Amino acid sequence: MFLKMEYGVYFFFASLMLLSIPFVFFLLPETKSLNLESMDRLFEVKPVWRANEIVMKELQEQEEAFRREVDGADLTVEKPKNSQSDSV
């Protein structure tokens, strides 16, 4: 290829890189700040260029719901009545 095309090889690879820009933008979602368990959901969401934003909002809502549930639950732990550590 290098012998036949000479400097045309540069244009060949440059055109591949230019074609990769729309491919990456439209078909590959951003995986930044997402855990491994969220990847399946990330690749299901359309449009792809907004998938990260949508999944991050879903995760934040789930986290807030969990915190409200935990805050609303009675988490007090009773001490055992016959504890030996109290008598020491």
PDB file of N, CA and C in Angstrom:
ATOM      1  N   MET A   1       0.828  -1.190   0.000  1.00  0.00           N
ATOM      2  CA  MET A   1       0.000   0.000   0.000  1.00  0.00           C
ATOM      3  C   MET A   1       0.870   1.251   0.000  1.00  0.00           C
ATOM      4  N   PHE A   2       1.909   1.251   0.825  1.00  0.00           N
ATOM      5  CA  PHE A   2       2.790   2.409   0.884  1.00  0.00           C
ATOM      6  C   PHE A   2       3.537   2.613  -0.428  1.00  0.00           C
ATOM      7  N   LEU A   3       3.904   1.508  -1.081  1.00  0.00           N
ATOM      8  CA  LEU A   3       4.647   1.627  -2.337  1.00  0.00           C
ATOM      9  C   LEU A   3       3.751   2.122  -3.466  1.00  0.00           C
ATOM     10  N   LYS A   4       2.524   1.688  -3.495  1.00  0.00           N
ATOM     11  CA  LYS A   4       1.612   2.079  -4.576  1.00  0.00           C
ATOM     12  C   LYS A   4       1.052   3.486  -4.389  1.00  0.00           C
ATOM     13  N   MET A   5       0.633   3.819  -3.163  1.00  0.00           N
ATOM     14  CA  MET A   5      -0.087   5.073  -2.944  1.00  0.00           C
ATOM     15  C   MET A   5       0.823   6.230  -2.556  1.00  0.00           C
ATOM     16  N   GLU A   6       1.995   5.956  -2.063  1.00  0.00           N
ATOM     17  CA  GLU A   6       2.952   6.965  -1.591  1.00  0.00           C
ATOM     18  C   GLU A   6       2.292   7.910  -0.591  1.00  0.00           C
ATOM     19  N   TYR A   7       2.162   9.181  -0.889  1.00  0.00           N
ATOM     20  CA  TYR A   7       1.574  10.129   0.066  1.00  0.00           C
ATOM     21  C   TYR A   7       0.060   9.977   0.159  1.00  0.00           C
ATOM     22  N   GLY A   8      -0.565   9.220  -0.714  1.00  0.00           N
ATOM     23  CA  GLY A   8      -1.999   8.971  -0.657  1.00  0.00           C
ATOM     24  C   GLY A   8      -2.407   8.164   0.572  1.00  0.00           C
ATOM     25  N   VAL A   9      -1.446   7.447   1.159  1.00  0.00           N
ATOM     26  CA  VAL A   9      -1.724   6.700   2.375  1.00  0.00           C
ATOM     27  C   VAL A   9      -2.139   7.663   3.483  1.00  0.00           C
ATOM     28  N   TYR A  10      -1.497   8.813   3.547  1.00  0.00           N
ATOM     29  CA  TYR A  10      -1.844   9.824   4.545  1.00  0.00           C
ATOM     30  C   TYR A  10      -3.306  10.236   4.363  1.00  0.00           C
ATOM     31  N   PHE A  11      -3.725  10.506   3.142  1.00  0.00           N
ATOM     32  CA  PHE A  11      -5.098  10.914   2.883  1.00  0.00           C
ATOM     33  C   PHE A  11      -6.095   9.792   3.195  1.00  0.00           C
ATOM     34  N   PHE A  12      -5.686   8.564   2.939  1.00  0.00           N
ATOM     35  CA  PHE A  12      -6.532   7.414   3.238  1.00  0.00           C
ATOM     36  C   PHE A  12      -6.827   7.338   4.741  1.00  0.00           C
ATOM     37  N   PHE A  13      -5.773   7.388   5.561  1.00  0.00           N
ATOM     38  CA  PHE A  13      -5.970   7.299   7.001  1.00  0.00           C
ATOM     39  C   PHE A  13      -6.615   8.559   7.565  1.00  0.00           C
ATOM     40  N   ALA A  14      -6.341   9.700   6.990  1.00  0.00           N
ATOM     41  CA  ALA A  14      -6.981  10.939   7.429  1.00  0.00           C
ATOM     42  C   ALA A  14      -8.490  10.873   7.166  1.00  0.00           C
ATOM     43  N   SER A  15      -8.876  10.329   6.016  1.00  0.00           N
ATOM     44  CA  SER A  15     -10.307  10.219   5.719  1.00  0.00           C
ATOM     45  C   SER A  15     -10.991   9.232   6.669  1.00  0.00           C
ATOM     46  N   LEU A  16     -10.295   8.159   7.061  1.00  0.00           N
ATOM     47  CA  LEU A  16     -10.863   7.230   8.043  1.00  0.00           C
ATOM     48  C   LEU A  16     -11.084   7.926   9.383  1.00  0.00           C
ATOM     49  N   MET A  17     -10.151   8.765   9.771  1.00  0.00           N
ATOM     50  CA  MET A  17     -10.299   9.488  11.036  1.00  0.00           C
ATOM     51  C   MET A  17     -11.456  10.486  10.961  1.00  0.00           C
ATOM     52  N   LEU A  18     -11.638  11.135   9.854  1.00  0.00           N
ATOM     53  CA  LEU A  18     -12.750  12.069   9.694  1.00  0.00           C
ATOM     54  C   LEU A  18     -14.096  11.344   9.704  1.00  0.00           C
ATOM     55  N   LEU A  19     -14.129  10.158   9.111  1.00  0.00           N
ATOM     56  CA  LEU A  19     -15.358   9.374   9.128  1.00  0.00           C
ATOM     57  C   LEU A  19     -15.661   8.810  10.518  1.00  0.00           C
ATOM     58  N   SER A  20     -14.642   8.667  11.344  1.00  0.00           N
ATOM     59  CA  SER A  20     -14.872   8.131  12.686  1.00  0.00           C
ATOM     60  C   SER A  20     -15.548   9.149  13.604  1.00  0.00           C
ATOM     61  N   ILE A  21     -15.449  10.441  13.310  1.00  0.00           N
ATOM     62  CA  ILE A  21     -16.052  11.473  14.158  1.00  0.00           C
ATOM     63  C   ILE A  21     -17.567  11.297  14.262  1.00  0.00           C
ATOM     64  N   PRO A  22     -18.309  11.235  13.149  1.00  0.00           N
ATOM     65  CA  PRO A  22     -19.760  11.024  13.298  1.00  0.00           C
ATOM     66  C   PRO A  22     -20.099   9.659  13.887  1.00  0.00           C
ATOM     67  N   PHE A  23     -19.303   8.649  13.588  1.00  0.00           N
ATOM     68  CA  PHE A  23     -19.544   7.320  14.149  1.00  0.00           C
ATOM     69  C   PHE A  23     -19.476   7.367  15.667  1.00  0.00           C
ATOM     70  N   VAL A  24     -18.432   7.957  16.203  1.00  0.00           N
ATOM     71  CA  VAL A  24     -18.261   8.031  17.651  1.00  0.00           C
ATOM     72  C   VAL A  24     -19.349   8.900  18.267  1.00  0.00           C
ATOM     73  N   PHE A  25     -19.662  10.027  17.666  1.00  0.00           N
ATOM     74  CA  PHE A  25     -20.646  10.941  18.235  1.00  0.00           C
ATOM     75  C   PHE A  25     -22.049  10.348  18.245  1.00  0.00           C
ATOM     76  N   PHE A  26     -22.456   9.731  17.156  1.00  0.00           N
ATOM     77  CA  PHE A  26     -23.833   9.260  17.039  1.00  0.00           C
ATOM     78  C   PHE A  26     -24.066   7.822  17.515  1.00  0.00           C
ATOM     79  N   LEU A  27     -23.041   7.002  17.598  1.00  0.00           N
ATOM     80  CA  LEU A  27     -23.260   5.591  17.902  1.00  0.00           C
ATOM     81  C   LEU A  27     -22.623   5.081  19.188  1.00  0.00           C
ATOM     82  N   LEU A  28     -21.735   5.854  19.808  1.00  0.00           N
ATOM     83  CA  LEU A  28     -21.081   5.404  21.030  1.00  0.00           C
ATOM     84  C   LEU A  28     -21.406   6.351  22.179  1.00  0.00           C
ATOM     85  N   PRO A  29     -22.074   5.865  23.214  1.00  0.00           N
ATOM     86  CA  PRO A  29     -22.417   6.751  24.341  1.00  0.00           C
ATOM     87  C   PRO A  29     -21.211   7.016  25.238  1.00  0.00           C
ATOM     88  N   GLU A  30     -21.255   8.128  25.943  1.00  0.00           N
ATOM     89  CA  GLU A  30     -20.219   8.491  26.908  1.00  0.00           C
ATOM     90  C   GLU A  30     -20.373   7.621  28.145  1.00  0.00           C
ATOM     91  N   THR A  31     -19.290   7.019  28.604  1.00  0.00           N
ATOM     92  CA  THR A  31     -19.339   6.133  29.755  1.00  0.00           C
ATOM     93  C   THR A  31     -18.770   6.777  31.015  1.00  0.00           C
ATOM     94  N   LYS A  32     -18.452   8.045  30.953  1.00  0.00           N
ATOM     95  CA  LYS A  32     -17.842   8.752  32.079  1.00  0.00           C
ATOM     96  C   LYS A  32     -18.770   8.737  33.295  1.00  0.00           C
ATOM     97  N   SER A  33     -18.206   8.476  34.461  1.00  0.00           N
ATOM     98  CA  SER A  33     -18.877   8.534  35.763  1.00  0.00           C
ATOM     99  C   SER A  33     -19.941   7.468  35.966  1.00  0.00           C
ATOM    100  N   LEU A  34     -20.002   6.466  35.140  1.00  0.00           N
ATOM    101  CA  LEU A  34     -21.001   5.407  35.313  1.00  0.00           C
ATOM    102  C   LEU A  34     -20.331   4.119  35.775  1.00  0.00           C
ATOM    103  N   ASN A  35     -21.010   3.424  36.668  1.00  0.00           N
ATOM    104  CA  ASN A  35     -20.469   2.154  37.126  1.00  0.00           C
ATOM    105  C   ASN A  35     -20.801   1.051  36.121  1.00  0.00           C
ATOM    106  N   LEU A  36     -20.185  -0.074  36.322  1.00  0.00           N
ATOM    107  CA  LEU A  36     -20.329  -1.189  35.389  1.00  0.00           C
ATOM    108  C   LEU A  36     -21.767  -1.692  35.308  1.00  0.00           C
ATOM    109  N   GLU A  37     -22.498  -1.630  36.413  1.00  0.00           N
ATOM    110  CA  GLU A  37     -23.874  -2.114  36.439  1.00  0.00           C
ATOM    111  C   GLU A  37     -24.802  -1.253  35.586  1.00  0.00           C
ATOM    112  N   SER A  38     -24.427  -0.019  35.297  1.00  0.00           N
ATOM    113  CA  SER A  38     -25.262   0.903  34.528  1.00  0.00           C
ATOM    114  C   SER A  38     -24.999   0.841  33.025  1.00  0.00           C
ATOM    115  N   MET A  39     -24.010   0.093  32.607  1.00  0.00           N
ATOM    116  CA  MET A  39     -23.634   0.074  31.189  1.00  0.00           C
ATOM    117  C   MET A  39     -24.726  -0.510  30.303  1.00  0.00           C
ATOM    118  N   ASP A  40     -25.399  -1.552  30.756  1.00  0.00           N
ATOM    119  CA  ASP A  40     -26.477  -2.131  29.942  1.00  0.00           C
ATOM    120  C   ASP A  40     -27.557  -1.092  29.665  1.00  0.00           C
ATOM    121  N   ARG A  41     -27.945  -0.385  30.708  1.00  0.00           N
ATOM    122  CA  ARG A  41     -28.965   0.667  30.549  1.00  0.00           C
ATOM    123  C   ARG A  41     -28.459   1.773  29.640  1.00  0.00           C
ATOM    124  N   LEU A  42     -27.190   2.109  29.742  1.00  0.00           N
ATOM    125  CA  LEU A  42     -26.605   3.179  28.936  1.00  0.00           C
ATOM    126  C   LEU A  42     -26.732   2.882  27.445  1.00  0.00           C
ATOM    127  N   PHE A  43     -26.495   1.649  27.048  1.00  0.00           N
ATOM    128  CA  PHE A  43     -26.541   1.302  25.632  1.00  0.00           C
ATOM    129  C   PHE A  43     -27.965   1.081  25.133  1.00  0.00           C
ATOM    130  N   GLU A  44     -28.957   1.065  26.037  1.00  0.00           N
ATOM    131  CA  GLU A  44     -30.356   0.934  25.625  1.00  0.00           C
ATOM    132  C   GLU A  44     -30.995   2.284  25.317  1.00  0.00           C
ATOM    133  N   VAL A  45     -30.484   3.347  25.912  1.00  0.00           N
ATOM    134  CA  VAL A  45     -31.096   4.672  25.820  1.00  0.00           C
ATOM    135  C   VAL A  45     -30.805   5.297  24.453  1.00  0.00           C
ATOM    136  N   LYS A  46     -31.821   5.889  23.881  1.00  0.00           N
ATOM    137  CA  LYS A  46     -31.693   6.630  22.627  1.00  0.00           C
ATOM    138  C   LYS A  46     -32.194   8.044  22.865  1.00  0.00           C
ATOM    139  N   PRO A  47     -31.683   9.062  22.320  1.00  0.00           N
ATOM    140  CA  PRO A  47     -30.530   9.164  21.428  1.00  0.00           C
ATOM    141  C   PRO A  47     -29.229   8.953  22.196  1.00  0.00           C
ATOM    142  N   VAL A  48     -28.267   8.392  21.525  1.00  0.00           N
ATOM    143  CA  VAL A  48     -27.013   7.996  22.148  1.00  0.00           C
ATOM    144  C   VAL A  48     -26.254   9.197  22.698  1.00  0.00           C
ATOM    145  N   TRP A  49     -26.282  10.310  22.018  1.00  0.00           N
ATOM    146  CA  TRP A  49     -25.468  11.452  22.457  1.00  0.00           C
ATOM    147  C   TRP A  49     -25.995  12.070  23.752  1.00  0.00           C
ATOM    148  N   ARG A  50     -27.199  11.685  24.201  1.00  0.00           N
ATOM    149  CA  ARG A  50     -27.737  12.166  25.474  1.00  0.00           C
ATOM    150  C   ARG A  50     -27.882  11.032  26.496  1.00  0.00           C
ATOM    151  N   ALA A  51     -27.431   9.841  26.156  1.00  0.00           N
ATOM    152  CA  ALA A  51     -27.638   8.664  27.009  1.00  0.00           C
ATOM    153  C   ALA A  51     -26.972   8.829  28.371  1.00  0.00           C
ATOM    154  N   ASN A  52     -25.765   9.345  28.420  1.00  0.00           N
ATOM    155  CA  ASN A  52     -25.069   9.516  29.684  1.00  0.00           C
ATOM    156  C   ASN A  52     -25.857  10.432  30.612  1.00  0.00           C
ATOM    157  N   GLU A  53     -26.338  11.530  30.078  1.00  0.00           N
ATOM    158  CA  GLU A  53     -27.112  12.498  30.862  1.00  0.00           C
ATOM    159  C   GLU A  53     -28.387  11.851  31.413  1.00  0.00           C
ATOM    160  N   ILE A  54     -29.085  11.091  30.593  1.00  0.00           N
ATOM    161  CA  ILE A  54     -30.341  10.452  30.999  1.00  0.00           C
ATOM    162  C   ILE A  54     -30.090   9.409  32.081  1.00  0.00           C
ATOM    163  N   VAL A  55     -29.085   8.572  31.896  1.00  0.00           N
ATOM    164  CA  VAL A  55     -28.791   7.520  32.871  1.00  0.00           C
ATOM    165  C   VAL A  55     -28.288   8.128  34.180  1.00  0.00           C
ATOM    166  N   MET A  56     -27.492   9.181  34.117  1.00  0.00           N
ATOM    167  CA  MET A  56     -27.019   9.837  35.341  1.00  0.00           C
ATOM    168  C   MET A  56     -28.197  10.407  36.136  1.00  0.00           C
ATOM    169  N   LYS A  57     -29.181  11.001  35.452  1.00  0.00           N
ATOM    170  CA  LYS A  57     -30.365  11.515  36.145  1.00  0.00           C
ATOM    171  C   LYS A  57     -31.142  10.385  36.802  1.00  0.00           C
ATOM    172  N   GLU A  58     -31.292   9.264  36.107  1.00  0.00           N
ATOM    173  CA  GLU A  58     -31.987   8.107  36.671  1.00  0.00           C
ATOM    174  C   GLU A  58     -31.279   7.602  37.926  1.00  0.00           C
ATOM    175  N   LEU A  59     -29.952   7.530  37.870  1.00  0.00           N
ATOM    176  CA  LEU A  59     -29.194   7.056  39.022  1.00  0.00           C
ATOM    177  C   LEU A  59     -29.303   8.020  40.196  1.00  0.00           C
ATOM    178  N   GLN A  60     -29.289   9.312  39.919  1.00  0.00           N
ATOM    179  CA  GLN A  60     -29.441  10.298  40.992  1.00  0.00           C
ATOM    180  C   GLN A  60     -30.826  10.196  41.629  1.00  0.00           C
ATOM    181  N   GLU A  61     -31.857  10.001  40.812  1.00  0.00           N
ATOM    182  CA  GLU A  61     -33.214   9.847  41.346  1.00  0.00           C
ATOM    183  C   GLU A  61     -33.326   8.599  42.213  1.00  0.00           C
ATOM    184  N   GLN A  62     -32.697   7.507  41.769  1.00  0.00           N
ATOM    185  CA  GLN A  62     -32.711   6.277  42.560  1.00  0.00           C
ATOM    186  C   GLN A  62     -31.986   6.480  43.887  1.00  0.00           C
ATOM    187  N   GLU A  63     -30.866   7.188  43.836  1.00  0.00           N
ATOM    188  CA  GLU A  63     -30.104   7.447  45.053  1.00  0.00           C
ATOM    189  C   GLU A  63     -30.899   8.322  46.024  1.00  0.00           C
ATOM    190  N   GLU A  64     -31.572   9.349  45.507  1.00  0.00           N
ATOM    191  CA  GLU A  64     -32.394  10.215  46.354  1.00  0.00           C
ATOM    192  C   GLU A  64     -33.557   9.436  46.968  1.00  0.00           C
ATOM    193  N   ALA A  65     -34.187   8.574  46.186  1.00  0.00           N
ATOM    194  CA  ALA A  65     -35.287   7.756  46.700  1.00  0.00           C
ATOM    195  C   ALA A  65     -34.783   6.816  47.799  1.00  0.00           C
ATOM    196  N   PHE A  66     -33.607   6.242  47.600  1.00  0.00           N
ATOM    197  CA  PHE A  66     -33.023   5.369  48.608  1.00  0.00           C
ATOM    198  C   PHE A  66     -32.725   6.142  49.880  1.00  0.00           C
ATOM    199  N   ARG A  67     -32.176   7.349  49.745  1.00  0.00           N
ATOM    200  CA  ARG A  67     -31.862   8.156  50.931  1.00  0.00           C
ATOM    201  C   ARG A  67     -33.130   8.552  51.682  1.00  0.00           C
ATOM    202  N   ARG A  68     -34.191   8.897  50.939  1.00  0.00           N
ATOM    203  CA  ARG A  68     -35.454   9.226  51.602  1.00  0.00           C
ATOM    204  C   ARG A  68     -36.000   8.014  52.346  1.00  0.00           C
ATOM    205  N   GLU A  69     -35.858   6.843  51.734  1.00  0.00           N
ATOM    206  CA  GLU A  69     -36.331   5.607  52.357  1.00  0.00           C
ATOM    207  C   GLU A  69     -35.540   5.309  53.627  1.00  0.00           C
ATOM    208  N   VAL A  70     -34.226   5.490  53.558  1.00  0.00           N
ATOM    209  CA  VAL A  70     -33.380   5.231  54.716  1.00  0.00           C
ATOM    210  C   VAL A  70     -33.642   6.267  55.803  1.00  0.00           C
ATOM    211  N   ASP A  71     -33.804   7.520  55.440  1.00  0.00           N
ATOM    212  CA  ASP A  71     -34.073   8.571  56.423  1.00  0.00           C
ATOM    213  C   ASP A  71     -35.418   8.357  57.096  1.00  0.00           C
ATOM    214  N   GLY A  72     -36.379   7.845  56.374  1.00  0.00           N
ATOM    215  CA  GLY A  72     -37.706   7.616  56.930  1.00  0.00           C
ATOM    216  C   GLY A  72     -37.785   6.369  57.790  1.00  0.00           C
ATOM    217  N   ALA A  73     -36.880   5.444  57.595  1.00  0.00           N
ATOM    218  CA  ALA A  73     -36.903   4.185  58.357  1.00  0.00           C
ATOM    219  C   ALA A  73     -36.344   4.421  59.750  1.00  0.00           C
ATOM    220  N   ASP A  74     -36.813   3.640  60.702  1.00  0.00           N
ATOM    221  CA  ASP A  74     -36.319   3.725  62.070  1.00  0.00           C
ATOM    222  C   ASP A  74     -35.068   2.856  62.166  1.00  0.00           C
ATOM    223  N   LEU A  75     -33.911   3.486  62.260  1.00  0.00           N
ATOM    224  CA  LEU A  75     -32.650   2.756  62.250  1.00  0.00           C
ATOM    225  C   LEU A  75     -32.001   2.690  63.630  1.00  0.00           C
ATOM    226  N   THR A  76     -32.745   2.970  64.682  1.00  0.00           N
ATOM    227  CA  THR A  76     -32.162   2.919  66.016  1.00  0.00           C
ATOM    228  C   THR A  76     -31.895   1.473  66.395  1.00  0.00           C
ATOM    229  N   VAL A  77     -30.763   1.263  67.014  1.00  0.00           N
ATOM    230  CA  VAL A  77     -30.364  -0.077  67.433  1.00  0.00           C
ATOM    231  C   VAL A  77     -30.416  -0.112  68.955  1.00  0.00           C
ATOM    232  N   GLU A  78     -31.139  -1.073  69.485  1.00  0.00           N
ATOM    233  CA  GLU A  78     -31.250  -1.196  70.936  1.00  0.00           C
ATOM    234  C   GLU A  78     -30.024  -1.900  71.487  1.00  0.00           C
ATOM    235  N   LYS A  79     -29.610  -1.433  72.666  1.00  0.00           N
ATOM    236  CA  LYS A  79     -28.491  -2.078  73.347  1.00  0.00           C
ATOM    237  C   LYS A  79     -28.980  -3.360  74.009  1.00  0.00           C
ATOM    238  N   PRO A  80     -28.163  -4.376  74.030  1.00  0.00           N
ATOM    239  CA  PRO A  80     -28.537  -5.579  74.773  1.00  0.00           C
ATOM    240  C   PRO A  80     -28.610  -5.259  76.270  1.00  0.00           C
ATOM    241  N   LYS A  81     -29.583  -5.828  76.966  1.00  0.00           N
ATOM    242  CA  LYS A  81     -29.794  -5.506  78.377  1.00  0.00           C
ATOM    243  C   LYS A  81     -28.728  -6.107  79.275  1.00  0.00           C
ATOM    244  N   ASN A  82     -28.259  -7.270  78.955  1.00  0.00           N
ATOM    245  CA  ASN A  82     -27.258  -7.951  79.801  1.00  0.00           C
ATOM    246  C   ASN A  82     -25.881  -7.852  79.174  1.00  0.00           C
ATOM    247  N   SER A  83     -25.434  -6.687  78.863  1.00  0.00           N
ATOM    248  CA  SER A  83     -24.151  -6.511  78.224  1.00  0.00           C
ATOM    249  C   SER A  83     -23.043  -6.514  79.282  1.00  0.00           C
ATOM    250  N   GLN A  84     -22.014  -7.277  79.082  1.00  0.00           N
ATOM    251  CA  GLN A  84     -20.897  -7.324  80.015  1.00  0.00           C
ATOM    252  C   GLN A  84     -20.021  -6.094  79.911  1.00  0.00           C
ATOM    253  N   SER A  85     -20.025  -5.434  78.755  1.00  0.00           N
ATOM    254  CA  SER A  85     -19.177  -4.252  78.599  1.00  0.00           C
ATOM    255  C   SER A  85     -19.656  -3.097  79.448  1.00  0.00           C
ATOM    256  N   ASP A  86     -20.955  -3.067  79.829  1.00  0.00           N
ATOM    257  CA  ASP A  86     -21.481  -2.001  80.675  1.00  0.00           C
ATOM    258  C   ASP A  86     -21.001  -2.150  82.120  1.00  0.00           C
ATOM    259  N   SER A  87     -20.802  -3.365  82.552  1.00  0.00           N
ATOM    260  CA  SER A  87     -20.429  -3.585  83.933  1.00  0.00           C
ATOM    261  C   SER A  87     -18.933  -3.384  84.176  1.00  0.00           C
ATOM    262  N   VAL A  88     -18.131  -3.268  83.183  1.00  0.00           N
ATOM    263  CA  VAL A  88     -16.682  -3.128  83.344  1.00  0.00           C
ATOM    264  C   VAL A  88     -16.279  -1.740  83.600  1.00  0.00           C
TER     265      VAL A  88
END
